[in-house]
Protein backbone atom coordinates (compact mmCIF):
# COMPACT_ATOMS: atom_id res chain seq x y z
CA UNK A 1 15.83 1.22 -0.65
CA UNK A 2 16.66 1.86 2.92
CA UNK A 3 14.46 5.18 3.26
CA UNK A 4 11.49 3.39 1.81
CA UNK A 5 11.74 0.64 4.07
CA UNK A 6 12.26 2.94 7.05
CA UNK A 7 9.44 5.14 6.27
CA UNK A 8 6.90 2.19 5.87
CA UNK A 9 8.10 1.07 9.39
CA UNK A 10 7.72 4.61 10.72
CA UNK A 11 4.25 4.97 9.56
CA UNK A 12 3.47 1.49 10.95
CA UNK A 13 4.97 2.95 14.18
CA UNK A 14 2.85 5.99 14.53
CA UNK A 15 -0.13 3.86 13.65
CA UNK A 16 0.47 1.44 16.27
CA UNK A 17 1.75 3.80 18.76
CA UNK A 18 -0.61 6.54 18.50
CA UNK A 19 -3.34 5.46 16.27
CA UNK A 20 -2.47 7.93 13.85
CA UNK A 21 -2.06 8.15 10.07
CA UNK A 22 1.46 9.62 8.88
CA UNK A 23 1.29 10.62 5.29
CA UNK A 24 5.32 11.47 4.86
CA UNK A 25 8.50 10.94 6.89
CA UNK A 26 11.39 13.52 6.53
CA UNK A 27 14.77 12.27 6.49
CA UNK A 28 18.15 14.23 6.59
CA UNK A 29 21.89 13.16 7.08
CA UNK A 30 22.99 12.67 10.59
CA UNK A 31 25.08 15.80 11.80
CA UNK A 32 28.85 14.51 12.53
CA UNK A 33 28.81 15.60 16.22
CA UNK A 34 26.06 12.87 16.83
CA UNK A 35 26.24 9.04 16.42
CA UNK A 36 24.00 7.82 13.61
CA UNK A 37 23.70 6.76 9.75
CA UNK A 38 20.49 8.51 8.95
CA UNK A 39 18.11 11.00 11.06
CA UNK A 40 14.56 11.00 11.05
CA UNK A 41 12.87 14.61 11.72
CA UNK A 42 10.14 14.16 14.35
CA UNK A 43 8.89 17.77 14.23
CA UNK A 44 6.75 17.62 11.37
CA UNK A 45 5.11 14.43 12.80
CA UNK A 46 3.28 16.69 15.61
CA UNK A 47 0.57 17.58 13.16
CA UNK A 48 -0.73 14.11 13.82
CA UNK A 49 0.75 13.27 16.68
CA UNK A 50 0.42 15.30 20.05
CA UNK A 51 3.14 15.11 22.43
CA UNK A 52 6.80 15.68 23.48
CA UNK A 53 8.90 15.26 20.37
CA UNK A 54 11.80 13.69 22.31
CA UNK A 55 9.47 11.06 23.75
CA UNK A 56 7.58 10.54 20.56
CA UNK A 57 11.31 9.88 18.89
CA UNK A 58 11.98 7.36 21.80
CA UNK A 59 8.98 5.38 21.24
CA UNK A 60 9.53 5.26 17.23
CA UNK A 61 13.36 4.40 17.76
CA UNK A 62 12.43 1.23 20.01
CA UNK A 63 10.01 0.14 17.54
CA UNK A 64 12.48 0.48 14.62
CA UNK A 65 15.05 -1.45 16.84
CA UNK A 66 12.48 -4.39 17.46
CA UNK A 67 11.13 -4.54 14.15
CA UNK A 68 13.64 -3.59 11.38
CA UNK A 69 16.78 -5.66 11.16
CA UNK A 70 18.98 -3.21 9.58
CA UNK A 71 18.59 -0.67 12.61
CA UNK A 72 20.80 -1.83 15.58
CA UNK A 73 20.33 1.46 18.04
CA UNK A 74 19.36 4.88 18.16
CA UNK A 75 19.60 8.04 20.10
CA UNK A 76 17.24 11.25 20.13
CA UNK A 77 18.46 14.73 20.06
CA UNK A 78 15.49 17.36 20.55
CA UNK A 79 13.22 16.57 17.61
CA UNK A 80 15.76 14.36 15.71
CA UNK A 81 15.86 10.68 15.66
CA UNK A 82 19.50 9.63 14.91
CA UNK A 83 19.30 5.84 13.76
CA UNK A 84 22.31 3.56 13.60
CA UNK A 85 22.46 0.93 11.02
CA UNK A 86 23.68 -2.47 11.47
CA UNK A 87 26.90 -3.80 10.18
CA UNK A 88 25.25 -6.33 8.55
CA UNK A 89 23.24 -3.66 6.48
CA UNK A 90 26.55 -1.98 5.38
CA UNK A 91 28.32 -5.56 4.52
CA UNK A 92 25.08 -6.66 2.76
CA UNK A 93 25.27 -3.73 0.27
CA UNK A 94 28.88 -4.14 -0.15
CA UNK A 95 28.65 -7.88 -0.85
CA UNK A 96 25.69 -7.12 -3.24
CA UNK A 97 27.86 -4.95 -5.80
CA UNK A 98 29.56 -7.58 -8.05
CA UNK A 99 31.45 -4.85 -10.00
CA UNK A 100 32.21 -1.17 -8.35
CA UNK A 101 33.68 -0.21 -11.73
CA UNK A 102 30.27 0.04 -12.98
CA UNK A 103 28.55 1.02 -9.72
CA UNK A 104 25.92 3.74 -10.13
CA UNK A 105 26.02 3.80 -13.85
CA UNK A 106 22.31 3.61 -15.53
CA UNK A 107 22.02 1.59 -18.48
CA UNK A 108 21.18 4.02 -21.47
CA UNK A 109 17.55 4.38 -22.08
CA UNK A 110 15.63 5.87 -24.94
CA UNK A 111 15.21 9.67 -23.46
CA UNK A 112 17.85 11.49 -25.58
CA UNK A 113 19.42 15.05 -24.68
CA UNK A 114 21.65 17.11 -26.97
CA UNK A 115 24.45 19.06 -25.06
CA UNK A 116 26.00 21.75 -27.10
CA UNK A 117 29.44 23.24 -26.08
CA UNK A 118 32.51 25.29 -27.14
CA UNK A 119 31.17 26.77 -30.22
CA UNK A 120 34.10 29.06 -31.02
CA UNK A 121 34.83 31.74 -33.61
CA UNK A 122 37.24 30.67 -36.24
CA UNK A 123 39.21 33.80 -36.26
CA UNK A 124 41.15 32.97 -33.25
CA UNK A 125 42.27 29.93 -30.88
CA UNK A 126 40.87 28.63 -28.16
CA UNK A 127 41.22 30.61 -24.82
CA UNK A 128 40.43 29.99 -21.36
CA UNK A 129 36.90 30.89 -21.35
CA UNK A 130 36.43 28.11 -24.01
CA UNK A 131 38.22 25.68 -21.56
CA UNK A 132 35.53 26.20 -18.61
CA UNK A 133 32.76 25.88 -21.33
CA UNK A 134 34.28 22.67 -23.15
CA UNK A 135 34.87 21.04 -19.60
CA UNK A 136 31.61 22.02 -18.40
CA UNK A 137 29.59 20.68 -21.51
CA UNK A 138 31.65 17.49 -21.87
CA UNK A 139 31.55 16.43 -18.19
CA UNK A 140 27.50 17.28 -18.19
CA UNK A 141 27.32 15.02 -21.31
CA UNK A 142 29.03 12.11 -19.82
CA UNK A 143 27.09 12.46 -16.52
CA UNK A 144 23.62 12.51 -18.28
CA UNK A 145 24.78 9.09 -20.03
CA UNK A 146 25.96 7.83 -16.73
CA UNK A 147 22.16 8.76 -15.54
CA UNK A 148 20.64 6.82 -18.08
CA UNK A 149 20.28 9.24 -20.99
CA UNK A 150 21.07 8.90 -24.52
CA UNK A 151 23.42 12.19 -25.47
CA UNK A 152 24.41 13.89 -28.53
CA UNK A 153 27.39 16.20 -28.17
CA UNK A 154 27.40 18.95 -30.64
CA UNK A 155 28.57 22.62 -31.43
CA UNK A 156 27.82 25.24 -33.76
CA UNK A 157 30.97 26.81 -35.34
CA UNK A 158 30.81 30.44 -35.78
CA UNK A 159 32.61 30.43 -39.36
CA UNK A 160 30.93 33.50 -40.76
CA UNK A 161 30.85 37.29 -40.65
CA UNK A 162 32.80 40.38 -40.35
CA UNK A 163 35.24 38.98 -37.75
CA UNK A 164 36.19 36.07 -40.14
CA UNK A 165 36.81 38.44 -43.10
CA UNK A 166 39.11 40.84 -40.94
CA UNK A 167 41.57 37.63 -40.49
CA UNK A 168 41.19 36.82 -44.39
CA UNK A 169 41.77 39.99 -45.49
CA UNK A 170 44.86 40.67 -43.07
CA UNK A 171 46.13 37.39 -44.24
CA UNK A 172 45.73 38.39 -47.76
CA UNK A 173 47.48 41.79 -47.39
CA UNK A 174 50.31 40.74 -45.05
CA UNK A 175 50.50 36.98 -44.94
CA UNK A 176 52.89 36.33 -47.93
CA UNK A 177 51.24 33.28 -48.46
CA UNK A 178 52.01 31.90 -45.21
CA UNK A 179 50.59 28.52 -44.07
CA UNK A 180 50.61 26.41 -40.91
CA UNK A 181 53.06 23.99 -42.70
CA UNK A 182 55.53 26.76 -43.70
CA UNK A 183 54.97 28.69 -40.32
CA UNK A 184 55.08 25.76 -37.87
CA UNK A 185 51.97 27.38 -36.42
CA UNK A 186 48.82 25.68 -35.55
CA UNK A 187 46.15 26.62 -37.96
CA UNK A 188 44.32 28.41 -35.40
CA UNK A 189 47.00 30.40 -33.91
CA UNK A 190 48.07 31.57 -37.52
CA UNK A 191 44.58 32.85 -38.40
CA UNK A 192 44.38 34.27 -34.79
CA UNK A 193 47.63 36.22 -35.71
CA UNK A 194 46.17 37.97 -38.54
CA UNK A 195 42.57 39.07 -36.92
CA UNK A 196 45.45 40.76 -34.21
CA UNK A 197 47.07 42.20 -37.16
CA UNK A 198 43.85 43.64 -38.69
CA UNK A 199 43.09 45.23 -35.36
CA UNK A 200 46.56 46.85 -35.34
CA UNK A 201 45.94 48.26 -38.82
CA UNK A 202 42.63 49.37 -38.08
CA UNK A 203 43.56 51.27 -35.01
CA UNK A 204 46.49 53.01 -36.96
CA UNK A 205 43.69 54.01 -39.79
CA UNK A 206 41.58 55.37 -37.10
CA UNK A 207 44.09 57.47 -35.41
CA UNK A 208 45.19 58.82 -39.16
CA UNK A 209 41.40 59.98 -39.67
CA UNK A 210 41.12 61.31 -36.22
CA UNK A 211 44.23 63.51 -36.97
CA UNK A 212 42.47 64.74 -40.21
CA UNK A 213 39.64 66.22 -38.20
CA UNK A 214 37.23 63.28 -38.31
CA UNK A 215 35.18 62.55 -35.50
CA UNK A 216 35.96 59.28 -33.43
CA UNK A 217 32.52 57.89 -34.94
CA UNK A 218 33.50 58.66 -38.54
CA UNK A 219 37.05 57.35 -38.03
CA UNK A 220 35.90 53.95 -36.73
CA UNK A 221 33.29 53.58 -39.82
CA UNK A 222 35.54 55.08 -42.52
CA UNK A 223 38.71 53.58 -41.96
CA UNK A 224 39.83 52.03 -45.41
CA UNK A 225 40.67 48.30 -43.91
CA UNK A 226 37.29 48.15 -42.26
CA UNK A 227 35.41 49.27 -45.48
CA UNK A 228 37.57 46.54 -47.40
CA UNK A 229 36.39 43.85 -44.83
CA UNK A 230 32.67 44.62 -45.29
CA UNK A 231 33.12 44.62 -49.15
CA UNK A 232 34.72 41.01 -48.59
CA UNK A 233 31.67 39.99 -46.44
CA UNK A 234 29.35 41.29 -49.26
CA UNK A 235 31.26 39.19 -51.83
CA UNK A 236 31.14 35.79 -49.45
CA UNK A 237 27.50 36.40 -49.12
CA UNK A 238 27.34 36.71 -53.20
CA UNK A 239 29.23 33.53 -53.47
CA UNK A 240 32.17 35.05 -55.10
CA UNK A 241 34.50 32.20 -56.08
CA UNK A 242 37.98 33.56 -54.79
CA UNK A 243 36.56 34.82 -51.37
CA UNK A 244 34.84 31.54 -50.74
CA UNK A 245 38.06 29.47 -51.60
CA UNK A 246 40.17 31.69 -49.32
CA UNK A 247 37.24 31.19 -46.63
CA UNK A 248 37.29 27.73 -46.98
CA UNK A 249 41.22 27.31 -46.90
CA UNK A 250 41.35 29.45 -43.78
CA UNK A 251 38.72 27.84 -41.90
CA UNK A 252 40.26 24.27 -42.72
CA UNK A 253 43.32 25.46 -40.97
CA UNK A 254 41.21 26.54 -38.04
CA UNK A 255 39.13 23.34 -37.60
CA UNK A 256 42.30 21.18 -37.89
CA UNK A 257 43.67 23.53 -34.88
CA UNK A 258 40.56 23.20 -32.77
CA UNK A 259 40.79 19.42 -33.21
CA UNK A 260 44.38 19.14 -31.99
CA UNK A 261 43.42 21.27 -29.03
CA UNK A 262 40.16 18.99 -28.38
CA UNK A 263 42.28 16.02 -28.62
CA UNK A 264 44.64 17.29 -26.07
CA UNK A 265 41.86 18.43 -23.70
CA UNK A 266 40.10 14.98 -24.10
CA UNK A 267 37.04 16.15 -25.39
CA UNK A 268 34.81 15.05 -28.48
CA UNK A 269 31.59 15.63 -30.46
CA UNK A 270 29.17 13.70 -32.17
CA UNK A 271 28.21 16.30 -34.79
CA UNK A 272 28.84 20.16 -35.97
CA UNK A 273 26.83 22.59 -36.86
CA UNK A 274 28.25 25.45 -38.96
CA UNK A 275 26.93 29.00 -38.90
CA UNK A 276 27.59 29.36 -42.49
CA UNK A 277 24.79 26.70 -42.79
CA UNK A 278 22.51 27.92 -40.35
CA UNK A 279 22.40 31.46 -40.75
CA UNK A 280 19.37 31.33 -43.26
CA UNK A 281 17.33 29.06 -40.84
CA UNK A 282 14.24 30.47 -38.88
CA UNK A 283 12.74 32.65 -41.48
CA UNK A 284 10.14 30.24 -42.40
CA UNK A 285 9.53 29.43 -38.77
CA UNK A 286 8.96 33.34 -38.04
CA UNK A 287 6.64 33.59 -41.12
CA UNK A 288 4.47 30.60 -39.51
CA UNK A 289 4.69 32.25 -36.20
CA UNK A 290 3.20 35.35 -37.86
CA UNK A 291 0.34 33.55 -39.19
CA UNK A 292 -0.28 32.08 -35.75
CA UNK A 293 -0.32 35.46 -33.76
CA UNK A 294 2.99 34.50 -31.98
CA UNK A 295 4.77 37.48 -33.75
CA UNK A 296 3.33 40.87 -35.27
CA UNK A 297 4.91 42.99 -37.92
CA UNK A 298 5.40 46.77 -37.42
CA UNK A 299 4.90 49.38 -39.86
CA UNK A 300 8.48 49.28 -40.88
CA UNK A 301 8.02 45.62 -42.16
CA UNK A 302 10.18 44.40 -38.98
CA UNK A 303 8.58 41.28 -37.00
CA UNK A 304 8.40 41.13 -33.38
CA UNK A 305 7.63 39.11 -30.51
CA UNK A 306 5.77 40.67 -27.34
CA UNK A 307 7.12 39.09 -24.33
CA UNK A 308 6.04 41.84 -21.88
CA UNK A 309 3.16 39.86 -20.42
CA UNK A 310 5.75 37.33 -19.61
CA UNK A 311 8.00 39.86 -17.65
CA UNK A 312 10.52 40.32 -20.50
CA UNK A 313 10.59 42.91 -23.48
CA UNK A 314 9.82 42.96 -26.84
CA UNK A 315 12.26 41.12 -29.08
CA UNK A 316 12.95 41.45 -32.87
CA UNK A 317 12.85 38.47 -34.72
CA UNK A 318 13.26 39.83 -38.35
CA UNK A 319 14.68 43.24 -39.67
CA UNK A 320 12.64 45.60 -41.79
CA UNK A 321 14.50 44.33 -44.77
CA UNK A 322 13.74 40.68 -43.92
CA UNK A 323 17.37 39.89 -42.99
CA UNK A 324 17.69 37.55 -39.76
CA UNK A 325 18.84 38.39 -36.28
CA UNK A 326 20.88 35.97 -33.99
CA UNK A 327 17.52 35.07 -32.35
CA UNK A 328 16.13 33.89 -35.74
CA UNK A 329 19.05 31.57 -36.39
CA UNK A 330 18.95 30.15 -32.76
CA UNK A 331 15.07 29.43 -33.35
CA UNK A 332 15.68 27.90 -36.64
CA UNK A 333 18.66 25.91 -35.51
CA UNK A 334 16.96 24.56 -32.52
CA UNK A 335 14.01 23.30 -34.76
CA UNK A 336 16.72 21.76 -37.29
CA UNK A 337 18.51 20.09 -34.66
CA UNK A 338 15.27 18.19 -33.48
CA UNK A 339 14.65 17.29 -36.89
CA UNK A 340 18.08 15.80 -37.51
CA UNK A 341 17.91 13.86 -34.16
CA UNK A 342 14.15 13.10 -34.04
CA UNK A 343 14.52 11.32 -30.67
CA UNK A 344 15.91 14.36 -28.94
CA UNK A 345 13.84 15.44 -26.06
CA UNK A 346 15.84 18.44 -24.93
CA UNK A 347 18.75 20.71 -25.52
CA UNK A 348 21.46 21.84 -23.16
CA UNK A 349 23.20 25.10 -24.29
CA UNK A 350 26.71 25.53 -22.78
CA UNK A 351 26.93 29.32 -22.78
CA UNK A 352 28.37 32.24 -20.73
CA UNK A 353 25.97 33.95 -18.26
CA UNK A 354 26.35 37.14 -20.34
CA UNK A 355 23.78 35.27 -22.58
CA UNK A 356 21.23 34.37 -19.70
CA UNK A 357 18.25 36.94 -20.97
CA UNK A 358 19.05 35.62 -24.85
CA UNK A 359 18.27 31.83 -23.77
CA UNK A 360 15.23 33.01 -21.77
CA UNK A 361 13.73 34.72 -24.77
CA UNK A 362 14.65 31.87 -27.08
CA UNK A 363 13.08 28.96 -24.77
CA UNK A 364 9.97 30.98 -24.43
CA UNK A 365 9.54 31.79 -28.09
CA UNK A 366 10.08 28.09 -28.91
CA UNK A 367 7.41 27.23 -26.49
CA UNK A 368 4.93 29.83 -28.00
CA UNK A 369 5.50 28.37 -31.42
CA UNK A 370 4.12 24.97 -29.91
CA UNK A 371 7.29 22.78 -29.65
CA UNK A 372 6.82 20.34 -26.77
CA UNK A 373 10.41 19.79 -26.37
CA UNK A 374 11.00 23.20 -25.59
CA UNK A 375 9.91 22.47 -22.25
CA UNK A 376 13.17 20.63 -21.71
CA UNK A 377 15.59 23.33 -23.00
CA UNK A 378 18.23 24.40 -20.23
CA UNK A 379 20.65 27.20 -20.51
CA UNK A 380 23.84 25.92 -18.83
CA UNK A 381 24.88 29.46 -17.70
CA UNK A 382 28.45 29.68 -16.22
CA UNK A 383 30.71 32.28 -14.81
CA UNK A 384 33.94 33.97 -16.04
CA UNK A 385 37.31 32.59 -15.23
CA UNK A 386 39.87 34.81 -14.03
CA UNK A 387 43.77 34.39 -13.39
CA UNK A 388 45.74 36.43 -11.21
CA UNK A 389 47.18 39.38 -12.83
CA UNK A 390 49.82 39.00 -15.37
CA UNK A 391 49.91 35.15 -15.33
CA UNK A 392 50.11 33.27 -18.56
CA UNK A 393 48.89 35.73 -20.96
CA UNK A 394 49.13 34.99 -24.55
CA UNK A 395 51.50 37.05 -26.89
CA UNK A 396 48.75 39.18 -27.90
CA UNK A 397 48.46 40.39 -24.22
CA UNK A 398 44.77 39.94 -24.11
CA UNK A 399 43.67 36.33 -23.77
CA UNK A 400 44.81 33.46 -22.37
CA UNK A 401 45.35 30.85 -25.08
CA UNK A 402 44.28 27.30 -24.23
CA UNK A 403 47.16 25.54 -25.62
CA UNK A 404 49.61 27.65 -23.67
CA UNK A 405 47.51 27.07 -20.46
CA UNK A 406 47.74 23.28 -20.99
CA UNK A 407 51.57 23.45 -21.31
CA UNK A 408 51.92 25.60 -18.47
CA UNK A 409 49.92 23.27 -16.50
CA UNK A 410 52.19 20.35 -17.27
CA UNK A 411 55.22 22.26 -16.65
CA UNK A 412 53.90 23.31 -13.19
CA UNK A 413 53.10 19.62 -12.55
CA UNK A 414 56.70 18.59 -13.60
CA UNK A 415 58.12 21.18 -11.13
CA UNK A 416 56.05 20.11 -8.27
CA UNK A 417 56.46 16.23 -9.08
CA UNK A 418 60.27 16.57 -9.28
CA UNK A 419 60.27 18.15 -5.95
CA UNK A 420 58.48 15.41 -4.22
CA UNK A 421 61.11 13.00 -5.81
CA UNK A 422 58.84 10.06 -6.24
CA UNK A 423 59.15 9.24 -10.01
CA UNK A 424 63.06 9.04 -10.39
CA UNK A 425 62.79 5.61 -11.70
CA UNK A 426 60.27 6.83 -14.82
CA UNK A 427 61.39 7.18 -18.46
CA UNK A 428 61.26 10.63 -20.06
CA UNK A 429 58.32 9.48 -21.79
CA UNK A 430 56.50 8.23 -18.84
CA UNK A 431 57.32 11.45 -17.04
CA UNK A 432 56.11 13.50 -19.81
CA UNK A 433 52.56 11.44 -19.86
CA UNK A 434 52.41 11.57 -16.19
CA UNK A 435 52.96 15.63 -15.96
CA UNK A 436 50.23 15.75 -18.90
CA UNK A 437 48.02 13.64 -16.80
CA UNK A 438 48.35 15.48 -13.47
CA UNK A 439 48.30 18.96 -15.23
CA UNK A 440 45.17 18.47 -16.92
CA UNK A 441 43.52 16.69 -14.22
CA UNK A 442 44.45 19.85 -11.89
CA UNK A 443 43.18 22.33 -14.49
CA UNK A 444 39.72 20.39 -15.01
CA UNK A 445 39.06 19.40 -11.44
CA UNK A 446 39.79 23.10 -10.11
CA UNK A 447 37.10 24.30 -12.67
CA UNK A 448 34.69 21.47 -12.44
CA UNK A 449 34.46 21.60 -8.60
CA UNK A 450 32.98 24.90 -8.56
CA UNK A 451 29.28 25.40 -9.16
CA UNK A 452 29.02 26.46 -12.93
CA UNK A 453 27.04 29.71 -12.00
CA UNK A 454 30.16 30.81 -9.76
CA UNK A 455 32.96 32.92 -11.25
CA UNK A 456 36.32 31.28 -10.85
CA UNK A 457 39.66 32.92 -9.81
CA UNK A 458 42.04 30.07 -11.34
CA UNK A 459 45.12 29.84 -9.57
CA UNK A 460 47.51 27.25 -11.62
CA UNK A 461 49.83 26.79 -8.70
CA UNK A 462 47.20 26.13 -6.02
CA UNK A 463 45.45 23.60 -8.52
CA UNK A 464 48.29 21.43 -8.79
CA UNK A 465 48.91 21.15 -5.02
CA UNK A 466 49.12 17.44 -3.86
CA UNK A 467 47.31 18.24 -0.75
CA UNK A 468 43.71 19.55 -0.01
CA UNK A 469 40.60 19.64 -2.75
CA UNK A 470 42.66 19.37 -5.84
CA UNK A 471 42.62 16.88 -8.76
CA UNK A 472 46.42 15.65 -8.09
CA UNK A 473 45.34 14.89 -4.47
CA UNK A 474 42.59 12.72 -5.55
CA UNK A 475 44.98 11.24 -8.50
CA UNK A 476 47.82 10.34 -6.02
CA UNK A 477 45.26 8.46 -3.58
CA UNK A 478 43.99 6.50 -6.62
CA UNK A 479 47.85 5.94 -7.31
CA UNK A 480 48.34 4.75 -3.55
CA UNK A 481 44.97 2.44 -3.90
CA UNK A 482 46.77 0.74 -6.94
CA UNK A 483 50.18 0.32 -5.34
CA UNK A 484 48.21 -1.53 -2.42
CA UNK A 485 46.36 -3.90 -4.98
CA UNK A 486 49.72 -4.66 -6.67
CA UNK A 487 51.06 -5.75 -3.25
CA UNK A 488 48.13 -7.66 -2.53
CA UNK A 489 48.14 -9.66 -5.81
CA UNK A 490 45.22 -11.71 -6.10
CA UNK A 491 44.41 -11.52 -2.41
CA UNK A 492 40.83 -10.46 -1.89
CA UNK A 493 39.51 -10.83 -5.47
CA UNK A 494 35.99 -11.78 -4.45
CA UNK A 495 33.50 -10.21 -2.01
CA UNK A 496 31.20 -11.63 0.39
CA UNK A 497 32.79 -11.34 3.76
CA UNK A 498 31.57 -10.89 7.10
CA UNK A 499 33.59 -8.89 9.69
CA UNK A 500 33.01 -6.47 12.28
CA UNK A 501 33.28 -3.03 10.78
CA UNK A 502 35.74 -0.43 12.19
CA UNK A 503 34.10 3.15 12.33
CA UNK A 504 36.49 4.23 9.45
CA UNK A 505 35.65 1.36 7.28
CA UNK A 506 31.79 2.17 7.92
CA UNK A 507 32.23 5.69 6.95
CA UNK A 508 33.75 4.58 3.56
CA UNK A 509 30.84 2.07 3.04
CA UNK A 510 28.36 4.94 3.46
CA UNK A 511 30.07 7.29 1.14
CA UNK A 512 30.34 4.59 -1.41
CA UNK A 513 26.73 4.01 -1.26
CA UNK A 514 26.00 7.63 -2.13
CA UNK A 515 27.67 7.50 -5.30
CA UNK A 516 24.62 6.41 -7.78
CA UNK A 517 22.36 8.99 -6.10
CA UNK A 518 25.13 11.59 -6.35
CA UNK A 519 25.28 10.75 -10.35
CA UNK A 520 21.52 11.33 -10.56
CA UNK A 521 21.63 14.45 -8.60
CA UNK A 522 24.47 15.86 -10.79
CA UNK A 523 22.48 14.97 -13.85
CA UNK A 524 19.50 16.58 -12.61
CA UNK A 525 21.27 19.97 -11.60
CA UNK A 526 23.78 19.77 -14.55
CA UNK A 527 26.40 20.09 -12.00
CA UNK A 528 29.65 18.26 -12.22
CA UNK A 529 30.73 20.00 -9.11
CA UNK A 530 28.57 17.36 -7.36
CA UNK A 531 30.54 14.60 -8.66
CA UNK A 532 33.88 16.62 -8.04
CA UNK A 533 33.17 17.22 -4.20
CA UNK A 534 31.73 13.62 -3.64
CA UNK A 535 35.11 12.30 -4.83
CA UNK A 536 36.97 14.48 -2.47
CA UNK A 537 34.78 13.44 0.36
CA UNK A 538 35.31 9.89 -0.51
CA UNK A 539 39.25 10.28 -0.85
CA UNK A 540 39.32 11.99 2.60
CA UNK A 541 37.51 9.22 4.07
CA UNK A 542 39.96 6.76 2.46
CA UNK A 543 43.01 8.50 3.52
CA UNK A 544 41.62 8.79 7.12
CA UNK A 545 40.80 5.15 6.81
CA UNK A 546 44.37 4.45 5.52
CA UNK A 547 46.37 5.98 8.31
CA UNK A 548 44.20 4.83 11.13
CA UNK A 549 43.22 1.05 9.79
CA UNK A 550 46.19 -1.26 9.09
CA UNK A 551 45.40 -3.15 5.79
CA UNK A 552 48.20 -6.00 5.56
CA UNK A 553 48.46 -5.84 9.53
CA UNK A 554 44.93 -6.94 10.02
CA UNK A 555 43.97 -9.30 13.11
CA UNK A 556 42.65 -11.74 10.94
CA UNK A 557 42.66 -12.65 7.07
CA UNK A 558 39.13 -12.13 6.45
CA UNK A 559 39.90 -8.42 7.76
CA UNK A 560 42.87 -8.00 5.40
CA UNK A 561 40.47 -9.46 2.47
CA UNK A 562 37.71 -7.19 3.09
CA UNK A 563 40.10 -3.99 3.43
CA UNK A 564 41.73 -4.89 0.14
CA UNK A 565 38.39 -5.45 -1.33
CA UNK A 566 37.16 -2.01 0.17
CA UNK A 567 40.22 -0.20 -1.25
CA UNK A 568 39.71 -1.65 -4.53
CA UNK A 569 36.18 -0.57 -4.55
CA UNK A 570 37.12 2.87 -3.86
CA UNK A 571 39.78 2.97 -6.62
CA UNK A 572 37.18 1.82 -8.89
CA UNK A 573 34.58 4.72 -8.06
CA UNK A 574 37.40 7.23 -8.00
CA UNK A 575 38.25 6.39 -11.42
CA UNK A 576 34.37 6.33 -12.58
CA UNK A 577 33.91 9.76 -11.12
CA UNK A 578 36.89 11.12 -12.69
CA UNK A 579 35.95 9.58 -15.91
CA UNK A 580 32.52 11.45 -15.28
CA UNK A 581 34.89 14.75 -15.20
CA UNK A 582 36.93 13.88 -18.37
CA UNK A 583 39.98 13.21 -15.87
CA UNK A 584 42.43 10.32 -16.21
CA UNK A 585 43.85 8.56 -13.21
CA UNK A 586 47.39 7.27 -13.34
CA UNK A 587 48.56 3.91 -11.92
CA UNK A 588 51.70 4.86 -10.70
CA UNK A 589 52.48 8.60 -9.21
């Protein structure tokens, strides 16, 4: 690695020039307004070398030019030594990469992680919030795999509880045996329709009770439809055959609807957990923790964990009647997952930032219970996604339906693409496929280019713009490169060229060289945004190269071959990086 080589040579220079021992060397990227490919910070050296930092930089720079073949020249600005690397260094890097389509991808090792994402409720369709969740979780899983991790993708489906019974009861009352087949509705949308129906009837009953003189609290708790839903939940927990049969049927509709949406979005899972199977987990672990002194019991019989010394609160883990709380389930489910996949060394939970405190408590309790893998638990916390007021609301008027949003994105892509008028020779099927690719690419990139912790204002039309930091801009550049390669044919199909580099070519090579490091950084930070913005910078540099350097009009055949090779390599890295984001790239556009 270049920094290792330079670091060793700089230490040798300091020893030779000043008879001093330098422990570490600090590097940083060279500022764009100065000439250079990498910068050495001189100021920290003043602890062992006394003198003027500019003079010290000049002396070390001269030593590097003389003793390091990769360094061609240098300049010093105040206490910063800017090093210019030779063309041979960059060409050597380029010629050594046999296949840029796998460049930066680390072979999978034995270190295994589990990534949880989506985790919806089975009483309504997936919505915009789920979209950010699944895109983040899926992309992080793919980035971790590219960084050499073994990854299991999973979700826990919240398929039990009063909210599920509300949909079931409303369908029983008002559904007239309606099914996805008879209605033409996706199963998740059909069940969601009855969840909304329940809420409407519930509010009407509350209004009636308020008119009869009940307090608001009494009206909300005594509404007949709510009492009936609570009774249905009791019957479900008791294993009533009819209730369980209805629950299985309606959940089956929802699962089929979810899978259709996941397929459209382009995400998948290796395993599924269901709350109906996990909600009793954790109680045994609580009792073991009670014996170890991790938990304590209050006079009413409830069990708690005192986290005040850790800067948190006391947390209940079992109610006085012995029933579990969500924390109990999450403790048990985490332990169960590690039992199911014994090679797991950590779990990443993709959950909105409103659950930040919950996961701090969960991870701390698991550490206190003595699980070593609890050191590698991570909450991939993300902010909400908002849309401009009034845009793309679902028919309920409350949430943005995922399927509707995806369809709207494809339609927006259609409108913009038709205005550009570059696909008139496409068949209708080819056009529909392209619009879907552009629309989904726009949606995914717009969401993933933002740091997960930040809140997003999602503007659909802005996201489909073919200029600027957008998915379609990058897709269009990839398609342009493919057109160049089709024109080139077999020309320039092998590496090992030696040319004098133009500045634009050198910039591209420098950016390509950063790709493996970017993948590792994105994996360490669980941040697809690092991949997205790396790719945007690569594409900007390529477009600048394309506009300023002639490919087919190169002065020599070797220059032409190199520029075709360079274009092919950039295209391969764009495709790889977009694959890590879950985005397809079109061959033509």
